[in-house]
Amino acid sequence: MNNNQNRYYADYFLIVILVFLAVISIFTLYTIQPALPPDISNTKFYVRQALWFIIGGVFIGMMMILDYDWYRKLSWYLYGIGVLLLLGLALNIPASLVLTLNHSTSWYSIPHVGTIQPGEFMKVFLIITLGHVITSHHEKRKTPQVRDDLWLLIKILIIALPPVGLVVIQPDLGTALVYLSITAVLILISGIRWRILFAVAGIILVVTGAALGLFYLFPGIIKQLEDSIFSHALERFYGWLAPEQHADSYGMQLIQAMLSIGSGQLFGKGMMNLEVYIPERHTDMIFTAIAEQFGFIGGSVVVMVFFLLIYRIIHISLACKDPFGSYLGAGTAGMITYQIVQNIGMSIQLLPITGLPLPFISYGGSSLIAYFMAMGLVMNVRSRHKVFMFDTKNE
């Protein structure tokens, strides 16, 4: 990018939204504190979360130091680091640092630092790398043919599938679905011909139907899955389909979540009036705490804030005429949107429970830093864009 064309803006709209989400997160974690189980009730998660938000703000600044074009040059290094970290978890290397929690080997435990979840950072690395590959592909092919579109699709899948596979075997199907949502969004806007995408979608539907048919004809396959690393995912699936039949086991969390949200009614029970016990209330199920205390109104306010966030990111992506910048924004919007829909959806039985946090609100260091890294990219695109649609001249 020519430095003479750099134009610097602070996107106050995004900043205000992020500050508002930070207030919601810290305040909700504070109100949850008395309702936490005894083994973690002494941990002041709201204080830790405030610290993570401060660190996240630092990461936004760090992501904006370099022109976002530089991330194209660094994309393969970032992707390689992410894959190597995920591979280390898969191979249990180094064994002294690999940590398994809640049936998933997704963390490194660093002495005197805490836990780090590489899968969260891989989301950002995947957005950058796919954006670079798609941009480079079109720069070399001004009038792409059908075979060029097919080759682009193959390249995208070659990049996306290794991290998907590595988190599936942890097993962490929720994160794998986030990777796939990022990939799907970028494929849809990559310029690949729609007839190719429809053909691929048809193949996926046929394969999915065949797999379901095999499960129906050969129930023993499901039994083998129940005895595999995917047993916990199947339990969550059963708990989603028929929570009442599994009320004492893997349906309990969903039943309690719906009771919590329903009991909040329109205006909620009031601050710190949490009467329904839910496991992982401060992480995956934090939306239930908002709905129980502040009702439908409080939950709707949170959804509206998220809507404004996604709207702004999409606006920045569409307004930027630099393809790589647009892909960064679109990938970030796809990542955050899917996680919002999945997290809230799993709390009201619209979707199976996957363990995905609610962006910017659930407690968690790695996830929060990853979101802020992505927002740093979006703000970088906004502040160093080359030409916005509303520009009157190109300086």
Protein backbone atom coordinates (compact mmCIF):
# COMPACT_ATOMS: atom_id res chain seq x y z
CA MET A 1 0.00 0.00 0.00
CA ASN A 2 1.26 3.45 -0.91
CA ASN A 3 1.82 5.44 2.28
CA ASN A 4 0.53 8.56 0.54
CA GLN A 5 -2.85 6.90 0.29
CA ASN A 6 -3.12 5.92 3.94
CA ARG A 7 -5.98 7.58 5.75
CA TYR A 8 -6.31 7.13 9.47
CA TYR A 9 -9.62 6.86 11.25
CA ALA A 10 -10.61 5.79 14.72
CA ASP A 11 -13.85 3.86 14.36
CA TYR A 12 -15.63 5.21 17.42
CA PHE A 13 -18.76 3.23 16.58
CA LEU A 14 -16.89 -0.06 16.97
CA ILE A 15 -15.05 1.19 20.04
CA VAL A 16 -18.31 2.14 21.78
CA ILE A 17 -19.84 -1.26 20.97
CA LEU A 18 -16.81 -3.12 22.31
CA VAL A 19 -16.81 -1.04 25.49
CA PHE A 20 -20.52 -1.73 25.94
CA LEU A 21 -19.94 -5.47 25.48
CA ALA A 22 -17.10 -5.30 28.01
CA VAL A 23 -19.41 -3.66 30.55
CA ILE A 24 -22.09 -6.31 29.92
CA SER A 25 -19.55 -9.11 30.32
CA ILE A 26 -17.89 -7.85 33.50
CA PHE A 27 -21.20 -6.85 35.10
CA THR A 28 -22.81 -10.22 34.28
CA LEU A 29 -19.83 -12.15 35.64
CA TYR A 30 -20.06 -10.05 38.81
CA THR A 31 -23.75 -10.89 39.26
CA ILE A 32 -23.07 -14.59 38.63
CA GLN A 33 -20.41 -14.81 41.34
CA PRO A 34 -22.72 -15.81 44.26
CA ALA A 35 -24.34 -18.56 42.16
CA LEU A 36 -21.11 -20.31 41.17
CA PRO A 37 -20.34 -23.82 42.48
CA PRO A 38 -18.29 -23.94 45.71
CA ASP A 39 -15.14 -25.21 43.98
CA ILE A 40 -14.84 -22.03 41.88
CA SER A 41 -16.88 -19.53 43.91
CA ASN A 42 -13.75 -17.88 45.31
CA THR A 43 -12.41 -17.11 41.83
CA LYS A 44 -13.29 -13.55 40.88
CA PHE A 45 -13.92 -14.13 37.20
CA TYR A 46 -15.15 -10.57 36.65
CA VAL A 47 -11.78 -9.20 37.79
CA ARG A 48 -9.92 -11.60 35.52
CA GLN A 49 -12.23 -10.74 32.64
CA ALA A 50 -11.55 -7.03 33.13
CA LEU A 51 -7.85 -7.80 32.86
CA TRP A 52 -8.44 -9.81 29.67
CA PHE A 53 -10.33 -6.87 28.18
CA ILE A 54 -7.41 -4.58 28.92
CA ILE A 55 -5.03 -7.07 27.30
CA GLY A 56 -7.46 -7.35 24.39
CA GLY A 57 -7.33 -3.60 23.88
CA VAL A 58 -3.54 -3.85 23.74
CA PHE A 59 -3.86 -6.56 21.08
CA ILE A 60 -6.12 -4.32 19.00
CA GLY A 61 -3.39 -1.69 19.09
CA MET A 62 -0.75 -4.26 18.18
CA MET A 63 -2.81 -5.52 15.23
CA MET A 64 -3.11 -1.95 13.95
CA ILE A 65 0.60 -1.13 14.06
CA LEU A 66 1.25 -2.87 10.76
CA ASP A 67 -0.59 -2.03 7.57
CA TYR A 68 -3.04 -4.89 7.09
CA ASP A 69 -1.31 -5.77 3.80
CA TRP A 70 1.56 -7.01 5.94
CA TYR A 71 -0.64 -9.80 7.26
CA ARG A 72 -0.77 -11.18 3.72
CA LYS A 73 3.00 -11.58 3.87
CA LEU A 74 2.79 -13.17 7.32
CA SER A 75 -0.22 -15.37 6.55
CA TRP A 76 1.63 -18.62 5.89
CA TYR A 77 3.78 -18.19 8.99
CA LEU A 78 0.69 -17.58 11.13
CA TYR A 79 -1.10 -20.53 9.56
CA GLY A 80 1.92 -22.77 10.10
CA ILE A 81 2.21 -21.75 13.76
CA GLY A 82 -1.48 -22.45 14.30
CA VAL A 83 -1.37 -25.87 12.65
CA LEU A 84 1.79 -26.86 14.55
CA LEU A 85 0.18 -25.92 17.87
CA LEU A 86 -2.93 -27.93 17.02
CA LEU A 87 -0.76 -30.84 15.89
CA GLY A 88 1.08 -30.72 19.21
CA LEU A 89 -2.24 -31.14 21.02
CA ALA A 90 -3.18 -34.05 18.77
CA LEU A 91 0.16 -35.79 19.41
CA ASN A 92 0.24 -34.82 23.11
CA ILE A 93 3.53 -32.94 22.60
CA PRO A 94 4.87 -31.81 24.98
CA ALA A 95 2.93 -34.05 27.35
CA SER A 96 3.77 -31.89 30.37
CA LEU A 97 1.94 -28.91 28.87
CA VAL A 98 -1.03 -30.51 27.11
CA LEU A 99 -4.23 -30.20 29.13
CA THR A 100 -7.55 -32.05 28.82
CA LEU A 101 -10.69 -30.39 30.18
CA ASN A 102 -14.34 -31.39 29.74
CA HIS A 103 -13.45 -34.38 27.53
CA SER A 104 -11.45 -32.19 25.10
CA THR A 105 -7.68 -31.89 24.67
CA SER A 106 -7.71 -28.28 23.50
CA TRP A 107 -5.35 -26.44 25.84
CA TYR A 108 -1.73 -25.93 26.73
CA SER A 109 -1.10 -25.23 30.40
CA ILE A 110 1.76 -22.75 30.67
CA PRO A 111 3.35 -22.48 34.15
CA HIS A 112 2.86 -19.07 35.79
CA VAL A 113 0.76 -17.94 32.79
CA GLY A 114 -2.36 -20.10 32.62
CA THR A 115 -4.07 -22.03 29.86
CA ILE A 116 -3.89 -21.20 26.16
CA GLN A 117 -6.32 -22.56 23.57
CA PRO A 118 -4.62 -22.52 20.14
CA GLY A 119 -7.88 -23.34 18.37
CA GLU A 120 -9.17 -19.85 19.18
CA PHE A 121 -6.22 -18.11 17.55
CA MET A 122 -6.38 -20.43 14.56
CA LYS A 123 -9.73 -18.84 13.69
CA VAL A 124 -7.99 -15.52 13.05
CA PHE A 125 -5.06 -17.15 11.26
CA LEU A 126 -7.51 -19.00 9.00
CA ILE A 127 -9.30 -15.76 8.07
CA ILE A 128 -5.99 -14.10 7.16
CA THR A 129 -4.67 -17.06 5.16
CA LEU A 130 -7.86 -17.73 3.21
CA GLY A 131 -8.19 -14.01 2.47
CA HIS A 132 -4.63 -13.97 1.14
CA VAL A 133 -5.10 -17.08 -1.02
CA ILE A 134 -8.35 -15.83 -2.56
CA THR A 135 -6.89 -12.38 -3.23
CA SER A 136 -3.71 -13.80 -4.79
CA HIS A 137 -5.74 -16.17 -6.95
CA HIS A 138 -7.77 -13.34 -8.48
CA GLU A 139 -4.74 -11.10 -8.93
CA LYS A 140 -3.20 -13.75 -11.19
CA ARG A 141 -6.41 -14.50 -13.11
CA LYS A 142 -8.24 -11.41 -14.31
CA THR A 143 -10.74 -13.47 -16.35
CA PRO A 144 -11.03 -16.77 -14.47
CA GLN A 145 -12.39 -19.84 -16.23
CA VAL A 146 -14.37 -22.68 -14.69
CA ARG A 147 -11.20 -24.68 -14.04
CA ASP A 148 -9.75 -21.65 -12.23
CA ASP A 149 -12.79 -21.53 -9.94
CA LEU A 150 -12.45 -25.24 -9.25
CA TRP A 151 -8.77 -24.80 -8.45
CA LEU A 152 -9.57 -21.94 -6.07
CA LEU A 153 -12.16 -24.08 -4.29
CA ILE A 154 -9.64 -26.90 -3.96
CA LYS A 155 -7.01 -24.53 -2.55
CA ILE A 156 -9.48 -23.16 0.00
CA LEU A 157 -10.40 -26.66 1.15
CA ILE A 158 -6.75 -27.74 1.32
CA ILE A 159 -6.11 -24.85 3.71
CA ALA A 160 -9.28 -25.19 5.79
CA LEU A 161 -9.52 -28.95 6.28
CA PRO A 162 -6.25 -29.62 8.21
CA PRO A 163 -7.19 -27.37 11.17
CA VAL A 164 -10.76 -28.69 11.01
CA GLY A 165 -9.48 -32.25 11.27
CA LEU A 166 -7.05 -31.41 14.06
CA VAL A 167 -9.75 -29.89 16.29
CA VAL A 168 -12.24 -32.66 15.48
CA ILE A 169 -9.92 -35.27 16.96
CA GLN A 170 -9.45 -33.27 20.19
CA PRO A 171 -12.55 -33.57 20.03
CA ASP A 172 -13.87 -30.01 19.70
CA LEU A 173 -16.64 -30.08 17.12
CA GLY A 174 -17.79 -26.58 18.04
CA THR A 175 -14.51 -24.98 16.98
CA ALA A 176 -14.47 -27.14 13.84
CA LEU A 177 -17.87 -25.71 12.91
CA VAL A 178 -16.53 -22.18 13.40
CA TYR A 179 -13.68 -22.94 10.97
CA LEU A 180 -16.23 -24.28 8.49
CA SER A 181 -18.44 -21.21 8.89
CA ILE A 182 -15.47 -18.93 8.17
CA THR A 183 -14.59 -21.05 5.15
CA ALA A 184 -18.18 -21.10 3.87
CA VAL A 185 -18.54 -17.31 4.09
CA LEU A 186 -15.28 -16.70 2.23
CA ILE A 187 -16.17 -19.29 -0.42
CA LEU A 188 -19.53 -17.59 -0.99
CA ILE A 189 -17.92 -14.19 -1.64
CA SER A 190 -14.80 -15.50 -3.41
CA GLY A 191 -16.29 -15.16 -6.88
CA ILE A 192 -16.52 -18.90 -7.53
CA ARG A 193 -19.35 -19.62 -9.97
CA TRP A 194 -22.63 -20.44 -8.29
CA ARG A 195 -23.21 -23.57 -10.37
CA ILE A 196 -20.02 -25.01 -8.92
CA LEU A 197 -21.14 -24.16 -5.39
CA PHE A 198 -24.58 -25.67 -5.99
CA ALA A 199 -22.94 -28.83 -7.31
CA VAL A 200 -20.72 -29.06 -4.23
CA ALA A 201 -23.73 -28.44 -1.96
CA GLY A 202 -25.58 -31.24 -3.74
CA ILE A 203 -22.67 -33.63 -3.21
CA ILE A 204 -22.56 -32.73 0.49
CA LEU A 205 -26.31 -33.38 0.83
CA VAL A 206 -26.00 -36.75 -0.91
CA VAL A 207 -23.07 -37.80 1.29
CA THR A 208 -24.91 -36.64 4.41
CA GLY A 209 -28.03 -38.52 3.39
CA ALA A 210 -26.00 -41.65 2.68
CA ALA A 211 -24.32 -41.40 6.09
CA LEU A 212 -27.68 -41.07 7.86
CA GLY A 213 -28.94 -44.04 5.87
CA LEU A 214 -25.97 -46.12 7.01
CA PHE A 215 -26.61 -45.16 10.62
CA TYR A 216 -30.24 -46.26 10.24
CA LEU A 217 -29.44 -49.55 8.49
CA PHE A 218 -26.44 -50.39 10.65
CA PRO A 219 -27.05 -49.17 14.22
CA GLY A 220 -23.78 -50.81 15.23
CA ILE A 221 -21.94 -47.88 13.66
CA ILE A 222 -23.50 -45.55 16.21
CA LYS A 223 -22.50 -47.95 18.98
CA GLN A 224 -18.90 -47.76 17.78
CA LEU A 225 -19.06 -43.96 17.80
CA GLU A 226 -20.42 -44.07 21.35
CA ASP A 227 -17.26 -45.91 22.36
CA SER A 228 -14.95 -43.51 20.49
CA ILE A 229 -13.60 -40.02 21.12
CA PHE A 230 -16.91 -38.68 19.80
CA SER A 231 -18.92 -40.19 22.66
CA HIS A 232 -19.27 -36.83 24.44
CA ALA A 233 -20.50 -35.15 21.24
CA LEU A 234 -23.09 -37.89 20.76
CA GLU A 235 -24.25 -37.50 24.35
CA ARG A 236 -24.79 -33.79 23.75
CA PHE A 237 -26.69 -34.62 20.56
CA TYR A 238 -28.95 -37.06 22.41
CA GLY A 239 -29.44 -34.48 25.15
CA TRP A 240 -30.52 -31.95 22.53
CA LEU A 241 -32.98 -34.26 20.76
CA ALA A 242 -34.64 -35.58 23.92
CA PRO A 243 -33.45 -33.70 27.01
CA GLU A 244 -36.28 -35.05 29.20
CA GLN A 245 -35.17 -38.63 28.56
CA HIS A 246 -31.67 -37.76 29.75
CA ALA A 247 -32.61 -35.27 32.47
CA ASP A 248 -30.22 -36.85 34.98
CA SER A 249 -27.23 -36.81 32.64
CA TYR A 250 -26.45 -35.08 29.34
CA GLY A 251 -29.87 -33.44 28.98
CA MET A 252 -29.66 -31.69 32.34
CA GLN A 253 -27.71 -28.62 31.19
CA LEU A 254 -30.18 -27.86 28.40
CA ILE A 255 -33.22 -28.36 30.65
CA GLN A 256 -31.75 -26.05 33.26
CA ALA A 257 -30.83 -23.48 30.61
CA MET A 258 -34.38 -23.32 29.27
CA LEU A 259 -35.79 -23.15 32.80
CA SER A 260 -33.44 -20.28 33.58
CA ILE A 261 -34.31 -18.29 30.46
CA GLY A 262 -38.03 -18.98 30.80
CA SER A 263 -38.11 -17.99 34.46
CA GLY A 264 -36.77 -14.55 33.58
CA GLN A 265 -39.96 -13.80 31.64
CA LEU A 266 -40.18 -10.24 30.29
CA PHE A 267 -38.25 -8.11 32.78
CA GLY A 268 -36.24 -10.72 34.72
CA LYS A 269 -35.88 -11.49 38.41
CA GLY A 270 -33.41 -8.73 39.14
CA MET A 271 -29.68 -8.53 39.67
CA MET A 272 -28.08 -11.53 41.42
CA ASN A 273 -31.40 -13.39 41.64
CA LEU A 274 -30.22 -16.59 39.99
CA GLU A 275 -32.29 -19.49 41.29
CA VAL A 276 -31.66 -22.09 38.57
CA TYR A 277 -28.35 -23.95 38.72
CA ILE A 278 -26.54 -24.40 35.40
CA PRO A 279 -23.06 -25.88 34.86
CA GLU A 280 -20.59 -23.59 33.06
CA ARG A 281 -22.80 -20.57 33.76
CA HIS A 282 -19.87 -18.14 33.51
CA THR A 283 -18.65 -19.48 30.16
CA ASP A 284 -20.85 -21.27 27.62
CA MET A 285 -24.16 -20.53 29.38
CA ILE A 286 -23.68 -16.88 30.30
CA PHE A 287 -26.64 -15.81 28.14
CA THR A 288 -28.96 -17.71 30.49
CA ALA A 289 -27.73 -15.54 33.38
CA ILE A 290 -28.57 -12.40 31.42
CA ALA A 291 -32.03 -13.68 30.49
CA GLU A 292 -32.87 -14.92 34.00
CA GLN A 293 -31.84 -11.69 35.72
CA PHE A 294 -33.00 -9.17 33.13
CA GLY A 295 -35.60 -11.12 31.17
CA PHE A 296 -36.51 -10.97 27.51
CA ILE A 297 -35.73 -7.24 27.51
CA GLY A 298 -32.17 -7.78 28.73
CA GLY A 299 -31.54 -10.62 26.30
CA SER A 300 -32.92 -8.52 23.44
CA VAL A 301 -30.59 -5.65 24.30
CA VAL A 302 -27.60 -8.01 24.05
CA VAL A 303 -28.82 -9.34 20.69
CA MET A 304 -29.29 -5.78 19.43
CA VAL A 305 -25.75 -4.82 20.44
CA PHE A 306 -24.44 -7.86 18.56
CA PHE A 307 -26.53 -6.87 15.54
CA LEU A 308 -24.94 -3.42 15.53
CA LEU A 309 -21.48 -4.99 15.81
CA ILE A 310 -22.05 -7.34 12.87
CA TYR A 311 -23.68 -4.58 10.84
CA ARG A 312 -20.67 -2.33 11.32
CA ILE A 313 -18.18 -5.06 10.41
CA ILE A 314 -20.13 -5.92 7.26
CA HIS A 315 -20.38 -2.23 6.35
CA ILE A 316 -16.60 -1.86 6.65
CA SER A 317 -16.08 -5.01 4.58
CA LEU A 318 -18.43 -3.87 1.81
CA ALA A 319 -17.11 -0.31 1.77
CA CYS A 320 -13.47 -1.36 1.41
CA LYS A 321 -12.54 -1.75 -2.25
CA ASP A 322 -9.35 -3.63 -1.45
CA PRO A 323 -10.28 -7.34 -1.79
CA PHE A 324 -8.01 -8.58 1.00
CA GLY A 325 -9.46 -6.03 3.42
CA SER A 326 -12.98 -7.07 2.45
CA TYR A 327 -12.17 -10.74 3.05
CA LEU A 328 -10.77 -9.94 6.50
CA GLY A 329 -13.99 -8.17 7.44
CA ALA A 330 -16.26 -10.82 5.95
CA GLY A 331 -14.39 -13.67 7.63
CA THR A 332 -14.57 -11.90 10.99
CA ALA A 333 -18.30 -11.25 10.55
CA GLY A 334 -18.88 -14.90 9.67
CA MET A 335 -16.89 -16.12 12.67
CA ILE A 336 -18.65 -13.90 15.21
CA THR A 337 -22.13 -14.33 13.72
CA TYR A 338 -21.96 -18.11 13.77
CA GLN A 339 -20.78 -18.18 17.38
CA ILE A 340 -23.55 -15.81 18.50
CA VAL A 341 -26.23 -17.88 16.76
CA GLN A 342 -24.78 -21.16 18.03
CA ASN A 343 -24.36 -20.00 21.63
CA ILE A 344 -27.81 -18.45 22.02
CA GLY A 345 -29.40 -21.19 19.91
CA MET A 346 -28.01 -23.96 22.11
CA SER A 347 -29.41 -22.22 25.19
CA ILE A 348 -32.98 -22.45 23.85
CA GLN A 349 -32.74 -25.89 22.15
CA LEU A 350 -32.61 -24.54 18.62
CA LEU A 351 -29.14 -26.07 18.20
CA PRO A 352 -27.13 -28.79 19.97
CA ILE A 353 -24.82 -27.75 22.80
CA THR A 354 -21.29 -27.41 21.44
CA GLY A 355 -19.44 -25.55 24.17
CA LEU A 356 -18.83 -22.40 22.12
CA PRO A 357 -18.58 -19.19 24.18
CA LEU A 358 -20.70 -16.11 23.57
CA PRO A 359 -18.32 -13.66 21.84
CA PHE A 360 -17.00 -10.83 24.05
CA ILE A 361 -19.27 -11.81 26.96
CA SER A 362 -18.39 -15.35 28.10
CA TYR A 363 -15.42 -15.67 30.42
CA GLY A 364 -12.24 -16.84 28.71
CA GLY A 365 -8.83 -15.41 27.93
CA SER A 366 -7.90 -17.15 24.68
CA SER A 367 -11.29 -16.61 23.06
CA LEU A 368 -11.44 -12.96 24.09
CA ILE A 369 -7.93 -12.21 22.82
CA ALA A 370 -8.76 -13.95 19.53
CA TYR A 371 -11.90 -11.81 19.10
CA PHE A 372 -9.90 -8.67 19.79
CA MET A 373 -7.24 -9.72 17.29
CA ALA A 374 -9.97 -10.09 14.68
CA MET A 375 -11.43 -6.72 15.63
CA GLY A 376 -7.95 -5.25 15.35
CA LEU A 377 -7.85 -6.46 11.75
CA VAL A 378 -11.25 -4.91 11.04
CA MET A 379 -10.23 -1.59 12.59
CA ASN A 380 -6.98 -1.76 10.62
CA VAL A 381 -8.98 -2.12 7.42
CA ARG A 382 -11.16 0.80 8.47
CA SER A 383 -8.27 3.08 9.42
CA ARG A 384 -5.91 2.24 6.55
CA HIS A 385 -8.37 1.57 3.81
CA LYS A 386 -7.33 2.66 0.34
CA VAL A 387 -10.65 3.84 -1.00
CA PHE A 388 -14.05 3.81 0.68
CA MET A 389 -17.20 4.06 -1.37
CA PHE A 390 -18.08 7.38 0.23
CA ASP A 391 -14.71 8.95 -0.65
CA THR A 392 -14.96 11.91 -3.02
CA LYS A 393 -11.40 11.61 -4.26
CA ASN A 394 -8.40 9.32 -4.03
CA GLU A 395 -5.64 11.12 -2.19
